């Protein structure tokens, strides 16, 4: 709890916001891969943290990881 009675709100589950590093850890990829997903339109930035750095919804990270892995499998088996 902060001074003045304010509480930090932490949301767990699919609506949880994660940093680029946390997104990379969740998807088991490199940080640069997460940044590529954003540039290529596979992952949308959900907002900025207190430092002004991008954060992402955990569910969006999972979807981006799934889609890119599915696409990679199609390219390998083709």
C-alpha atoms as a PDB file:
ATOM      1  CA  UNK A   1       0.000   0.000   0.000  1.00  0.00           C
ATOM      2  CA  UNK A   2       1.273   3.481  -0.852  1.00  0.00           C
ATOM      3  CA  UNK A   3       1.184   6.492   1.423  1.00  0.00           C
ATOM      4  CA  UNK A   4      -2.261   7.996   1.269  1.00  0.00           C
ATOM      5  CA  UNK A   5      -3.980   4.605   1.199  1.00  0.00           C
ATOM      6  CA  UNK A   6      -3.500   3.801  -2.502  1.00  0.00           C
ATOM      7  CA  UNK A   7      -2.950   0.147  -3.329  1.00  0.00           C
ATOM      8  CA  UNK A   8      -0.981  -1.315  -6.204  1.00  0.00           C
ATOM      9  CA  UNK A   9      -3.189  -3.430  -8.430  1.00  0.00           C
ATOM     10  CA  UNK A  10      -1.600  -6.560  -9.869  1.00  0.00           C
ATOM     11  CA  UNK A  11      -3.622  -8.494 -12.407  1.00  0.00           C
ATOM     12  CA  UNK A  12      -2.739 -12.131 -12.985  1.00  0.00           C
ATOM     13  CA  UNK A  13      -3.862 -14.217 -15.917  1.00  0.00           C
ATOM     14  CA  UNK A  14      -4.393 -13.282 -19.547  1.00  0.00           C
ATOM     15  CA  UNK A  15      -4.887  -9.571 -18.808  1.00  0.00           C
ATOM     16  CA  UNK A  16      -1.571  -9.380 -16.952  1.00  0.00           C
ATOM     17  CA  UNK A  17       0.826  -6.818 -18.405  1.00  0.00           C
ATOM     18  CA  UNK A  18       4.424  -7.896 -18.934  1.00  0.00           C
ATOM     19  CA  UNK A  19       7.629  -6.138 -19.929  1.00  0.00           C
ATOM     20  CA  UNK A  20       9.595  -7.039 -23.046  1.00  0.00           C
ATOM     21  CA  UNK A  21      11.944  -9.207 -20.980  1.00  0.00           C
ATOM     22  CA  UNK A  22       9.033 -10.976 -19.272  1.00  0.00           C
ATOM     23  CA  UNK A  23       7.319 -11.486 -22.633  1.00  0.00           C
ATOM     24  CA  UNK A  24      10.470 -13.113 -23.976  1.00  0.00           C
ATOM     25  CA  UNK A  25      10.656 -15.382 -20.937  1.00  0.00           C
ATOM     26  CA  UNK A  26       6.969 -16.353 -21.258  1.00  0.00           C
ATOM     27  CA  UNK A  27       7.381 -17.244 -24.931  1.00  0.00           C
ATOM     28  CA  UNK A  28      10.832 -18.788 -24.479  1.00  0.00           C
ATOM     29  CA  UNK A  29      12.357 -16.495 -27.113  1.00  0.00           C
ATOM     30  CA  UNK A  30      14.996 -13.769 -27.178  1.00  0.00           C
ATOM     31  CA  UNK A  31      14.116 -10.174 -26.337  1.00  0.00           C
ATOM     32  CA  UNK A  32      14.920  -9.178 -29.921  1.00  0.00           C
ATOM     33  CA  UNK A  33      12.284 -11.642 -31.133  1.00  0.00           C
ATOM     34  CA  UNK A  34       9.599  -9.849 -29.109  1.00  0.00           C
ATOM     35  CA  UNK A  35      10.700  -6.546 -30.638  1.00  0.00           C
ATOM     36  CA  UNK A  36      10.505  -8.117 -34.132  1.00  0.00           C
ATOM     37  CA  UNK A  37       6.968  -9.319 -33.418  1.00  0.00           C
ATOM     38  CA  UNK A  38       5.998  -5.724 -32.632  1.00  0.00           C
ATOM     39  CA  UNK A  39       7.666  -4.328 -35.773  1.00  0.00           C
ATOM     40  CA  UNK A  40       6.022  -6.992 -37.941  1.00  0.00           C
ATOM     41  CA  UNK A  41       2.583  -6.446 -36.428  1.00  0.00           C
ATOM     42  CA  UNK A  42       2.341  -9.792 -34.608  1.00  0.00           C
ATOM     43  CA  UNK A  43       2.247  -8.187 -31.147  1.00  0.00           C
ATOM     44  CA  UNK A  44       0.665  -4.927 -30.038  1.00  0.00           C
ATOM     45  CA  UNK A  45       2.069  -2.724 -27.289  1.00  0.00           C
ATOM     46  CA  UNK A  46      -0.625  -2.441 -24.604  1.00  0.00           C
ATOM     47  CA  UNK A  47       0.854   0.617 -22.921  1.00  0.00           C
ATOM     48  CA  UNK A  48       3.934   1.981 -21.216  1.00  0.00           C
ATOM     49  CA  UNK A  49       5.267   1.242 -17.754  1.00  0.00           C
ATOM     50  CA  UNK A  50       6.333   3.885 -15.231  1.00  0.00           C
ATOM     51  CA  UNK A  51       9.682   4.250 -17.046  1.00  0.00           C
ATOM     52  CA  UNK A  52       8.012   4.739 -20.413  1.00  0.00           C
ATOM     53  CA  UNK A  53       8.940   1.255 -21.677  1.00  0.00           C
ATOM     54  CA  UNK A  54       6.448  -0.891 -23.567  1.00  0.00           C
ATOM     55  CA  UNK A  55       4.306  -3.509 -21.853  1.00  0.00           C
ATOM     56  CA  UNK A  56       2.227  -6.240 -23.454  1.00  0.00           C
ATOM     57  CA  UNK A  57      -0.808  -8.280 -22.446  1.00  0.00           C
ATOM     58  CA  UNK A  58       0.278 -11.830 -21.562  1.00  0.00           C
ATOM     59  CA  UNK A  59      -2.498 -13.271 -23.733  1.00  0.00           C
ATOM     60  CA  UNK A  60      -1.229 -11.292 -26.744  1.00  0.00           C
ATOM     61  CA  UNK A  61       2.292 -12.601 -26.166  1.00  0.00           C
ATOM     62  CA  UNK A  62       0.965 -16.164 -26.113  1.00  0.00           C
ATOM     63  CA  UNK A  63      -0.990 -15.593 -29.337  1.00  0.00           C
ATOM     64  CA  UNK A  64       2.030 -14.075 -31.107  1.00  0.00           C
ATOM     65  CA  UNK A  65       4.218 -16.965 -29.999  1.00  0.00           C
ATOM     66  CA  UNK A  66       1.663 -19.541 -31.176  1.00  0.00           C
ATOM     67  CA  UNK A  67       1.102 -17.876 -34.575  1.00  0.00           C
ATOM     68  CA  UNK A  68       4.780 -17.453 -35.344  1.00  0.00           C
ATOM     69  CA  UNK A  69       5.603 -21.031 -34.336  1.00  0.00           C
ATOM     70  CA  UNK A  70       2.713 -22.368 -36.450  1.00  0.00           C
ATOM     71  CA  UNK A  71       3.970 -20.342 -39.417  1.00  0.00           C
ATOM     72  CA  UNK A  72       7.519 -21.633 -38.907  1.00  0.00           C
ATOM     73  CA  UNK A  73       6.260 -25.240 -38.927  1.00  0.00           C
ATOM     74  CA  UNK A  74       4.414 -24.660 -42.210  1.00  0.00           C
ATOM     75  CA  UNK A  75       7.573 -23.259 -43.793  1.00  0.00           C
ATOM     76  CA  UNK A  76       9.693 -26.208 -42.633  1.00  0.00           C
ATOM     77  CA  UNK A  77       7.264 -28.904 -43.794  1.00  0.00           C
ATOM     78  CA  UNK A  78       6.467 -27.232 -47.118  1.00  0.00           C
END
